[in-house]
C-alpha atoms as a PDB file:
ATOM      1  CA  MET A   1     -25.134   9.547  60.234  1.00  0.00           C
ATOM      2  CA  SER A   2     -24.056  13.113  60.933  1.00  0.00           C
ATOM      3  CA  LYS A   3     -24.311  15.872  58.335  1.00  0.00           C
ATOM      4  CA  VAL A   4     -21.205  17.069  56.520  1.00  0.00           C
ATOM      5  CA  PRO A   5     -20.519  20.768  57.264  1.00  0.00           C
ATOM      6  CA  ALA A   6     -20.762  23.200  54.355  1.00  0.00           C
ATOM      7  CA  GLY A   7     -17.526  23.505  52.422  1.00  0.00           C
ATOM      8  CA  VAL A   8     -16.275  20.043  53.359  1.00  0.00           C
ATOM      9  CA  SER A   9     -15.783  17.647  50.483  1.00  0.00           C
ATOM     10  CA  ASP A  10     -17.823  14.469  50.333  1.00  0.00           C
ATOM     11  CA  VAL A  11     -14.910  12.245  51.361  1.00  0.00           C
ATOM     12  CA  PRO A  12     -16.171   8.976  52.842  1.00  0.00           C
ATOM     13  CA  ALA A  13     -15.954   8.905  56.628  1.00  0.00           C
ATOM     14  CA  LEU A  14     -13.159   6.805  58.051  1.00  0.00           C
ATOM     15  CA  PRO A  15     -13.837   4.589  61.053  1.00  0.00           C
ATOM     16  CA  SER A  16     -12.556   5.764  64.405  1.00  0.00           C
ATOM     17  CA  THR A  17      -9.008   4.751  65.284  1.00  0.00           C
ATOM     18  CA  THR A  18      -8.088   2.833  68.429  1.00  0.00           C
ATOM     19  CA  ILE A  19      -4.537   3.255  69.703  1.00  0.00           C
ATOM     20  CA  ARG A  20      -3.306   0.669  72.201  1.00  0.00           C
ATOM     21  CA  PRO A  21      -0.087   0.208  74.192  1.00  0.00           C
ATOM     22  CA  GLY A  22       2.633  -0.966  71.834  1.00  0.00           C
ATOM     23  CA  ASP A  23       1.536   1.473  69.121  1.00  0.00           C
ATOM     24  CA  ARG A  24       4.269   4.094  68.642  1.00  0.00           C
ATOM     25  CA  ARG A  25       1.627   6.852  68.935  1.00  0.00           C
ATOM     26  CA  TYR A  26       0.359   5.635  72.327  1.00  0.00           C
ATOM     27  CA  PRO A  27       2.796   7.573  74.597  1.00  0.00           C
ATOM     28  CA  ALA A  28       1.993  10.895  72.930  1.00  0.00           C
ATOM     29  CA  MET A  29      -1.745  10.234  72.949  1.00  0.00           C
ATOM     30  CA  SER A  30      -1.971   9.095  76.572  1.00  0.00           C
ATOM     31  CA  ARG A  31       0.029  11.933  78.150  1.00  0.00           C
ATOM     32  CA  GLY A  32      -1.182  15.414  78.853  1.00  0.00           C
ATOM     33  CA  PHE A  33       0.651  18.556  79.843  1.00  0.00           C
ATOM     34  CA  ASN A  34       0.093  18.110  83.581  1.00  0.00           C
ATOM     35  CA  GLN A  35       2.669  15.446  84.449  1.00  0.00           C
ATOM     36  CA  ARG A  36       1.315  15.135  88.007  1.00  0.00           C
ATOM     37  CA  TRP A  37      -1.509  13.044  86.530  1.00  0.00           C
ATOM     38  CA  ILE A  38      -0.033  10.146  84.578  1.00  0.00           C
ATOM     39  CA  ALA A  39      -2.598   7.860  82.970  1.00  0.00           C
ATOM     40  CA  GLU A  40      -2.193   4.441  81.405  1.00  0.00           C
ATOM     41  CA  PRO A  41      -5.493   3.868  79.598  1.00  0.00           C
ATOM     42  CA  GLU A  42      -6.246   0.520  77.945  1.00  0.00           C
ATOM     43  CA  TYR A  43      -6.631   2.422  74.682  1.00  0.00           C
ATOM     44  CA  VAL A  44      -7.112   5.881  73.204  1.00  0.00           C
ATOM     45  CA  ARG A  45      -9.921   6.329  70.699  1.00  0.00           C
ATOM     46  CA  LEU A  46      -9.590   8.984  67.968  1.00  0.00           C
ATOM     47  CA  VAL A  47     -13.025   9.969  66.727  1.00  0.00           C
ATOM     48  CA  ARG A  48     -14.045  12.295  63.934  1.00  0.00           C
ATOM     49  CA  THR A  49     -17.816  12.658  64.158  1.00  0.00           C
ATOM     50  CA  PRO A  50     -20.499  12.976  66.853  1.00  0.00           C
ATOM     51  CA  ASP A  51     -21.751   9.515  65.853  1.00  0.00           C
ATOM     52  CA  GLU A  52     -18.302   8.039  66.517  1.00  0.00           C
ATOM     53  CA  VAL A  53     -18.257   9.781  69.906  1.00  0.00           C
ATOM     54  CA  ALA A  54     -21.601   8.205  70.790  1.00  0.00           C
ATOM     55  CA  ALA A  55     -20.389   4.765  69.678  1.00  0.00           C
ATOM     56  CA  ALA A  56     -17.137   5.148  71.668  1.00  0.00           C
ATOM     57  CA  LEU A  57     -19.032   6.131  74.799  1.00  0.00           C
ATOM     58  CA  THR A  58     -21.406   3.191  74.393  1.00  0.00           C
ATOM     59  CA  THR A  59     -18.533   0.712  74.237  1.00  0.00           C
ATOM     60  CA  ALA A  60     -16.384   2.368  76.949  1.00  0.00           C
END
């Protein structure tokens, strides 16, 4: 597990969030500023820690 930075409370880590089509947040999370490149990913993963990043990359 990753270390908690100094000054951050010891709040338990939440699991990463997966946003899929049909979720009201999906359009905002799957669009960037450059509208020439429109993506339609299967899901968007919101991660909070380096360990969650590693897990997301392993399952991608």
